[in-house]
Amino acid sequence: MNQKEFSKKNDQGKELFVICLSIELQDLDNLVQEMRVFKEIVISWHRARQKEAAEVRFIAVSDPLYHQAIEEFAEVCHSNDIDLKAIFKTTKLCLDFHDNAGKLVRERVFEKEKDASGILNRWFSRAK
């Protein structure tokens, strides 16, 4: 997983920080390990930046067939992971999905203070 931090100023001139994390997922079996690394990086970064942490941008370059699994995993992290849920109450999460050639396929934004846990409802409704 690659990472880069950027800073930007808000309307009041206060410096805020954005961390950009990117993966190139060749095999869906590696998703769980990549998300563990994602979690560790986000927790460490947020601990350092605290109130200046504005946004986590996650860029996934993979076969478009993997995009739904990546998005569902991100939903679980955003709304149900005990450590990340608290962070994403104050920090926006943006997902960018790219195909293997690097072309942007679509984006998903999780606004701060909003629960995106509809994934669990979808999983349990499929089991019926």
N, C-alpha and C. Protein backbone atom coordinates (compact mmCIF):
# COMPACT_ATOMS: atom_id res chain seq x y z
N MET A 1 0.84 -1.17 0.00
CA MET A 1 0.00 0.00 0.00
C MET A 1 0.89 1.24 0.00
N ASN A 2 0.58 2.14 -0.90
CA ASN A 2 1.31 3.40 -0.98
C ASN A 2 0.53 4.47 -0.22
N GLN A 3 1.26 5.43 0.33
CA GLN A 3 0.60 6.52 1.04
C GLN A 3 1.30 7.84 0.79
N LYS A 4 0.50 8.91 0.79
CA LYS A 4 1.03 10.26 0.62
C LYS A 4 0.08 11.20 1.36
N GLU A 5 0.66 12.17 2.03
CA GLU A 5 -0.15 13.13 2.75
C GLU A 5 -0.10 14.49 2.05
N PHE A 6 -1.25 15.16 2.03
CA PHE A 6 -1.37 16.48 1.45
C PHE A 6 -1.97 17.41 2.50
N SER A 7 -1.73 18.70 2.34
CA SER A 7 -2.39 19.67 3.21
C SER A 7 -3.18 20.64 2.35
N LYS A 8 -4.21 21.18 2.95
CA LYS A 8 -5.04 22.19 2.29
C LYS A 8 -5.56 23.12 3.36
N LYS A 9 -5.95 24.29 2.96
CA LYS A 9 -6.49 25.27 3.91
C LYS A 9 -8.01 25.31 3.78
N ASN A 10 -8.67 25.40 4.94
CA ASN A 10 -10.12 25.54 4.91
C ASN A 10 -10.50 27.01 4.72
N ASP A 11 -11.78 27.32 4.80
CA ASP A 11 -12.26 28.68 4.56
C ASP A 11 -11.70 29.69 5.55
N GLN A 12 -11.36 29.23 6.75
CA GLN A 12 -10.80 30.11 7.78
C GLN A 12 -9.27 30.17 7.73
N GLY A 13 -8.66 29.52 6.77
CA GLY A 13 -7.21 29.53 6.63
C GLY A 13 -6.49 28.50 7.48
N LYS A 14 -7.24 27.65 8.16
CA LYS A 14 -6.64 26.61 9.00
C LYS A 14 -6.13 25.47 8.12
N GLU A 15 -4.94 24.98 8.41
CA GLU A 15 -4.36 23.90 7.62
C GLU A 15 -4.99 22.56 8.03
N LEU A 16 -5.50 21.84 7.05
CA LEU A 16 -6.08 20.52 7.25
C LEU A 16 -5.29 19.51 6.42
N PHE A 17 -5.39 18.25 6.80
CA PHE A 17 -4.60 17.23 6.15
C PHE A 17 -5.46 16.13 5.53
N VAL A 18 -4.98 15.65 4.40
CA VAL A 18 -5.61 14.56 3.66
C VAL A 18 -4.55 13.49 3.47
N ILE A 19 -4.91 12.24 3.77
CA ILE A 19 -4.00 11.15 3.47
C ILE A 19 -4.58 10.36 2.30
N CYS A 20 -3.72 10.06 1.37
CA CYS A 20 -4.11 9.31 0.18
C CYS A 20 -3.42 7.95 0.23
N LEU A 21 -4.22 6.90 0.24
CA LEU A 21 -3.70 5.53 0.27
C LEU A 21 -4.09 4.84 -1.03
N SER A 22 -3.18 4.12 -1.61
CA SER A 22 -3.51 3.44 -2.86
C SER A 22 -3.02 2.00 -2.84
N ILE A 23 -3.81 1.15 -3.46
CA ILE A 23 -3.43 -0.25 -3.62
C ILE A 23 -3.64 -0.65 -5.07
N GLU A 24 -2.86 -1.61 -5.49
CA GLU A 24 -3.08 -2.25 -6.78
C GLU A 24 -3.36 -3.71 -6.45
N LEU A 25 -4.64 -4.05 -6.45
CA LEU A 25 -5.09 -5.37 -6.01
C LEU A 25 -5.15 -6.32 -7.20
N GLN A 26 -4.24 -7.27 -7.20
CA GLN A 26 -4.19 -8.27 -8.27
C GLN A 26 -5.00 -9.51 -7.94
N ASP A 27 -5.16 -9.76 -6.63
CA ASP A 27 -5.83 -10.98 -6.18
C ASP A 27 -6.75 -10.62 -5.02
N LEU A 28 -8.02 -10.95 -5.12
CA LEU A 28 -8.99 -10.61 -4.09
C LEU A 28 -8.64 -11.23 -2.74
N ASP A 29 -7.89 -12.32 -2.75
CA ASP A 29 -7.48 -12.96 -1.49
C ASP A 29 -6.59 -12.05 -0.65
N ASN A 30 -5.99 -11.04 -1.25
CA ASN A 30 -5.12 -10.12 -0.52
C ASN A 30 -5.87 -8.95 0.09
N LEU A 31 -7.18 -8.85 -0.15
CA LEU A 31 -7.94 -7.70 0.32
C LEU A 31 -7.93 -7.57 1.85
N VAL A 32 -8.12 -8.65 2.56
CA VAL A 32 -8.16 -8.57 4.03
C VAL A 32 -6.84 -8.04 4.57
N GLN A 33 -5.73 -8.54 4.07
CA GLN A 33 -4.43 -8.06 4.53
C GLN A 33 -4.23 -6.59 4.18
N GLU A 34 -4.64 -6.18 3.00
CA GLU A 34 -4.51 -4.77 2.60
C GLU A 34 -5.35 -3.87 3.50
N MET A 35 -6.54 -4.35 3.89
CA MET A 35 -7.39 -3.54 4.74
C MET A 35 -6.85 -3.47 6.17
N ARG A 36 -6.13 -4.49 6.60
CA ARG A 36 -5.46 -4.41 7.91
C ARG A 36 -4.40 -3.30 7.88
N VAL A 37 -3.65 -3.25 6.80
CA VAL A 37 -2.63 -2.21 6.64
C VAL A 37 -3.31 -0.85 6.57
N PHE A 38 -4.41 -0.74 5.82
CA PHE A 38 -5.19 0.48 5.72
C PHE A 38 -5.58 0.96 7.11
N LYS A 39 -6.11 0.06 7.92
CA LYS A 39 -6.56 0.42 9.26
C LYS A 39 -5.39 0.93 10.12
N GLU A 40 -4.28 0.24 10.10
CA GLU A 40 -3.11 0.65 10.89
C GLU A 40 -2.63 2.05 10.48
N ILE A 41 -2.57 2.29 9.18
CA ILE A 41 -2.10 3.59 8.68
C ILE A 41 -3.07 4.70 9.08
N VAL A 42 -4.36 4.46 8.90
CA VAL A 42 -5.36 5.49 9.22
C VAL A 42 -5.35 5.82 10.71
N ILE A 43 -5.28 4.81 11.55
CA ILE A 43 -5.26 5.06 13.00
C ILE A 43 -4.02 5.85 13.39
N SER A 44 -2.88 5.47 12.89
CA SER A 44 -1.63 6.16 13.21
C SER A 44 -1.66 7.60 12.71
N TRP A 45 -2.10 7.80 11.48
CA TRP A 45 -2.19 9.14 10.88
C TRP A 45 -3.16 10.03 11.66
N HIS A 46 -4.32 9.48 11.99
CA HIS A 46 -5.32 10.27 12.72
C HIS A 46 -4.83 10.62 14.13
N ARG A 47 -4.13 9.72 14.75
CA ARG A 47 -3.57 9.99 16.07
C ARG A 47 -2.60 11.18 16.00
N ALA A 48 -1.83 11.26 14.92
CA ALA A 48 -0.86 12.35 14.75
C ALA A 48 -1.54 13.67 14.37
N ARG A 49 -2.58 13.62 13.54
CA ARG A 49 -3.19 14.84 13.01
C ARG A 49 -4.41 15.31 13.81
N GLN A 50 -5.09 14.41 14.47
CA GLN A 50 -6.26 14.70 15.30
C GLN A 50 -7.27 15.61 14.61
N LYS A 51 -7.50 16.80 15.12
CA LYS A 51 -8.55 17.69 14.59
C LYS A 51 -8.22 18.23 13.20
N GLU A 52 -6.97 18.16 12.81
CA GLU A 52 -6.59 18.63 11.47
C GLU A 52 -6.75 17.53 10.41
N ALA A 53 -7.15 16.33 10.80
CA ALA A 53 -7.37 15.24 9.86
C ALA A 53 -8.71 15.46 9.16
N ALA A 54 -8.66 15.79 7.88
CA ALA A 54 -9.88 16.16 7.15
C ALA A 54 -10.44 15.03 6.29
N GLU A 55 -9.56 14.25 5.66
CA GLU A 55 -10.05 13.29 4.67
C GLU A 55 -9.07 12.13 4.50
N VAL A 56 -9.64 10.94 4.33
CA VAL A 56 -8.88 9.76 3.92
C VAL A 56 -9.35 9.44 2.51
N ARG A 57 -8.43 9.42 1.56
CA ARG A 57 -8.76 9.07 0.17
C ARG A 57 -8.10 7.73 -0.12
N PHE A 58 -8.93 6.76 -0.50
CA PHE A 58 -8.46 5.41 -0.77
C PHE A 58 -8.64 5.12 -2.25
N ILE A 59 -7.54 4.87 -2.94
CA ILE A 59 -7.56 4.61 -4.37
C ILE A 59 -7.28 3.13 -4.61
N ALA A 60 -8.22 2.47 -5.25
CA ALA A 60 -8.08 1.05 -5.54
C ALA A 60 -7.95 0.86 -7.04
N VAL A 61 -6.83 0.30 -7.45
CA VAL A 61 -6.60 -0.04 -8.85
C VAL A 61 -6.71 -1.55 -8.94
N SER A 62 -7.72 -2.02 -9.67
CA SER A 62 -7.94 -3.47 -9.74
C SER A 62 -8.89 -3.79 -10.88
N ASP A 63 -9.09 -5.07 -11.08
CA ASP A 63 -10.11 -5.53 -11.99
C ASP A 63 -11.45 -4.99 -11.47
N PRO A 64 -12.26 -4.38 -12.32
CA PRO A 64 -13.55 -3.84 -11.86
C PRO A 64 -14.45 -4.88 -11.17
N LEU A 65 -14.20 -6.15 -11.41
CA LEU A 65 -14.97 -7.20 -10.72
C LEU A 65 -14.72 -7.17 -9.22
N TYR A 66 -13.59 -6.63 -8.78
CA TYR A 66 -13.25 -6.57 -7.35
C TYR A 66 -13.81 -5.33 -6.66
N HIS A 67 -14.29 -4.37 -7.42
CA HIS A 67 -14.69 -3.09 -6.84
C HIS A 67 -15.79 -3.22 -5.80
N GLN A 68 -16.78 -4.06 -6.03
CA GLN A 68 -17.87 -4.20 -5.07
C GLN A 68 -17.35 -4.77 -3.75
N ALA A 69 -16.48 -5.75 -3.81
CA ALA A 69 -15.93 -6.34 -2.58
C ALA A 69 -15.12 -5.30 -1.81
N ILE A 70 -14.35 -4.50 -2.52
CA ILE A 70 -13.56 -3.45 -1.87
C ILE A 70 -14.49 -2.44 -1.22
N GLU A 71 -15.53 -2.04 -1.93
CA GLU A 71 -16.48 -1.07 -1.40
C GLU A 71 -17.20 -1.62 -0.16
N GLU A 72 -17.62 -2.87 -0.20
CA GLU A 72 -18.30 -3.46 0.95
C GLU A 72 -17.37 -3.55 2.16
N PHE A 73 -16.12 -3.89 1.92
CA PHE A 73 -15.15 -3.94 3.01
C PHE A 73 -14.96 -2.54 3.60
N ALA A 74 -14.90 -1.54 2.75
CA ALA A 74 -14.75 -0.16 3.22
C ALA A 74 -15.97 0.28 4.03
N GLU A 75 -17.17 -0.14 3.62
CA GLU A 75 -18.38 0.18 4.37
C GLU A 75 -18.32 -0.40 5.78
N VAL A 76 -17.86 -1.63 5.88
CA VAL A 76 -17.73 -2.27 7.19
C VAL A 76 -16.72 -1.51 8.04
N CYS A 77 -15.59 -1.15 7.45
CA CYS A 77 -14.58 -0.38 8.19
C CYS A 77 -15.14 0.96 8.63
N HIS A 78 -15.86 1.63 7.75
CA HIS A 78 -16.39 2.96 8.02
C HIS A 78 -17.43 2.95 9.14
N SER A 79 -18.33 2.01 9.12
CA SER A 79 -19.47 2.06 10.03
C SER A 79 -19.45 1.06 11.17
N ASN A 80 -18.63 0.04 11.09
CA ASN A 80 -18.72 -1.02 12.09
C ASN A 80 -17.42 -1.35 12.79
N ASP A 81 -16.29 -0.98 12.24
CA ASP A 81 -15.02 -1.26 12.92
C ASP A 81 -14.91 -0.34 14.12
N ILE A 82 -14.70 -0.90 15.28
CA ILE A 82 -14.72 -0.13 16.53
C ILE A 82 -13.70 1.00 16.54
N ASP A 83 -12.54 0.79 15.96
CA ASP A 83 -11.49 1.82 15.95
C ASP A 83 -11.71 2.85 14.86
N LEU A 84 -12.07 2.41 13.69
CA LEU A 84 -12.22 3.34 12.55
C LEU A 84 -13.53 4.12 12.59
N LYS A 85 -14.56 3.53 13.17
CA LYS A 85 -15.86 4.21 13.23
C LYS A 85 -15.73 5.57 13.92
N ALA A 86 -14.98 5.62 15.00
CA ALA A 86 -14.79 6.89 15.72
C ALA A 86 -14.04 7.91 14.86
N ILE A 87 -13.06 7.44 14.11
CA ILE A 87 -12.29 8.34 13.23
C ILE A 87 -13.18 8.91 12.14
N PHE A 88 -13.99 8.06 11.53
CA PHE A 88 -14.80 8.50 10.41
C PHE A 88 -16.04 9.30 10.82
N LYS A 89 -16.24 9.50 12.11
CA LYS A 89 -17.27 10.44 12.56
C LYS A 89 -16.82 11.88 12.31
N THR A 90 -15.51 12.09 12.27
CA THR A 90 -14.98 13.45 12.09
C THR A 90 -14.15 13.61 10.82
N THR A 91 -13.93 12.52 10.11
CA THR A 91 -13.06 12.54 8.94
C THR A 91 -13.78 11.89 7.76
N LYS A 92 -13.77 12.56 6.62
CA LYS A 92 -14.43 12.04 5.42
C LYS A 92 -13.59 10.92 4.81
N LEU A 93 -14.27 9.90 4.27
CA LEU A 93 -13.62 8.80 3.55
C LEU A 93 -14.09 8.83 2.10
N CYS A 94 -13.13 8.88 1.18
CA CYS A 94 -13.44 8.87 -0.26
C CYS A 94 -12.78 7.64 -0.89
N LEU A 95 -13.53 6.94 -1.69
CA LEU A 95 -13.01 5.79 -2.44
C LEU A 95 -12.98 6.15 -3.91
N ASP A 96 -11.87 5.86 -4.56
CA ASP A 96 -11.75 6.02 -6.01
C ASP A 96 -11.44 4.65 -6.58
N PHE A 97 -12.27 4.20 -7.50
CA PHE A 97 -12.08 2.89 -8.12
C PHE A 97 -11.55 3.07 -9.54
N HIS A 98 -10.41 2.47 -9.81
CA HIS A 98 -9.78 2.54 -11.13
C HIS A 98 -9.66 1.13 -11.70
N ASP A 99 -9.72 1.03 -13.02
CA ASP A 99 -9.50 -0.28 -13.64
C ASP A 99 -8.00 -0.56 -13.69
N ASN A 100 -7.63 -1.71 -14.22
CA ASN A 100 -6.21 -2.11 -14.26
C ASN A 100 -5.34 -1.15 -15.08
N ALA A 101 -5.96 -0.42 -16.00
CA ALA A 101 -5.21 0.55 -16.81
C ALA A 101 -5.07 1.89 -16.10
N GLY A 102 -5.71 2.04 -14.95
CA GLY A 102 -5.61 3.28 -14.19
C GLY A 102 -6.72 4.27 -14.47
N LYS A 103 -7.68 3.89 -15.31
CA LYS A 103 -8.79 4.80 -15.64
C LYS A 103 -9.81 4.80 -14.50
N LEU A 104 -10.23 6.00 -14.08
CA LEU A 104 -11.23 6.13 -13.03
C LEU A 104 -12.55 5.54 -13.51
N VAL A 105 -13.08 4.59 -12.74
CA VAL A 105 -14.35 3.95 -13.07
C VAL A 105 -15.48 4.63 -12.32
N ARG A 106 -15.29 4.85 -11.02
CA ARG A 106 -16.29 5.56 -10.21
C ARG A 106 -15.71 5.97 -8.87
N GLU A 107 -16.47 6.80 -8.18
CA GLU A 107 -16.07 7.29 -6.86
C GLU A 107 -17.20 7.03 -5.87
N ARG A 108 -16.83 6.96 -4.62
CA ARG A 108 -17.81 6.84 -3.53
C ARG A 108 -17.30 7.70 -2.38
N VAL A 109 -18.17 8.53 -1.84
CA VAL A 109 -17.81 9.39 -0.72
C VAL A 109 -18.66 9.01 0.48
N PHE A 110 -17.99 8.76 1.59
CA PHE A 110 -18.66 8.52 2.87
C PHE A 110 -18.53 9.82 3.66
N GLU A 111 -19.62 10.51 3.84
CA GLU A 111 -19.58 11.76 4.58
C GLU A 111 -19.34 11.47 6.05
N LYS A 112 -18.65 12.37 6.72
CA LYS A 112 -18.43 12.19 8.15
C LYS A 112 -19.75 12.31 8.88
N GLU A 113 -19.82 11.62 10.01
CA GLU A 113 -21.00 11.58 10.88
C GLU A 113 -22.21 10.90 10.24
N LYS A 114 -22.00 10.16 9.14
CA LYS A 114 -23.10 9.41 8.54
C LYS A 114 -22.77 7.93 8.56
N ASP A 115 -23.74 7.13 8.92
CA ASP A 115 -23.56 5.69 9.01
C ASP A 115 -23.81 5.08 7.63
N ALA A 116 -22.87 4.26 7.18
CA ALA A 116 -23.01 3.59 5.88
C ALA A 116 -23.19 2.10 6.06
N SER A 117 -23.80 1.71 7.17
CA SER A 117 -23.85 0.29 7.51
C SER A 117 -24.94 -0.48 6.79
N GLY A 118 -25.48 0.05 5.73
CA GLY A 118 -26.47 -0.68 4.95
C GLY A 118 -25.95 -2.00 4.44
N ILE A 119 -24.63 -2.15 4.43
CA ILE A 119 -24.02 -3.40 3.96
C ILE A 119 -24.50 -4.59 4.79
N LEU A 120 -24.60 -4.42 6.09
CA LEU A 120 -25.04 -5.54 6.93
C LEU A 120 -26.47 -5.91 6.61
N ASN A 121 -27.31 -4.91 6.37
CA ASN A 121 -28.68 -5.20 5.98
C ASN A 121 -28.73 -5.96 4.67
N ARG A 122 -27.87 -5.58 3.71
CA ARG A 122 -27.85 -6.29 2.42
C ARG A 122 -27.37 -7.73 2.61
N TRP A 123 -26.35 -7.92 3.45
CA TRP A 123 -25.84 -9.29 3.67
C TRP A 123 -26.90 -10.17 4.30
N PHE A 124 -27.58 -9.66 5.33
CA PHE A 124 -28.55 -10.49 6.03
C PHE A 124 -29.80 -10.72 5.17
N SER A 125 -30.16 -9.77 4.32
CA SER A 125 -31.32 -9.99 3.47
C SER A 125 -31.03 -11.02 2.39
N ARG A 126 -29.76 -11.15 1.99
CA ARG A 126 -29.39 -12.18 1.00
C ARG A 126 -29.49 -13.58 1.60
N ALA A 127 -29.27 -13.69 2.89
CA ALA A 127 -29.24 -15.00 3.55
C ALA A 127 -30.62 -15.61 3.69
N LYS A 128 -31.68 -14.82 3.52
CA LYS A 128 -33.03 -15.33 3.70
C LYS A 128 -33.43 -16.28 2.61
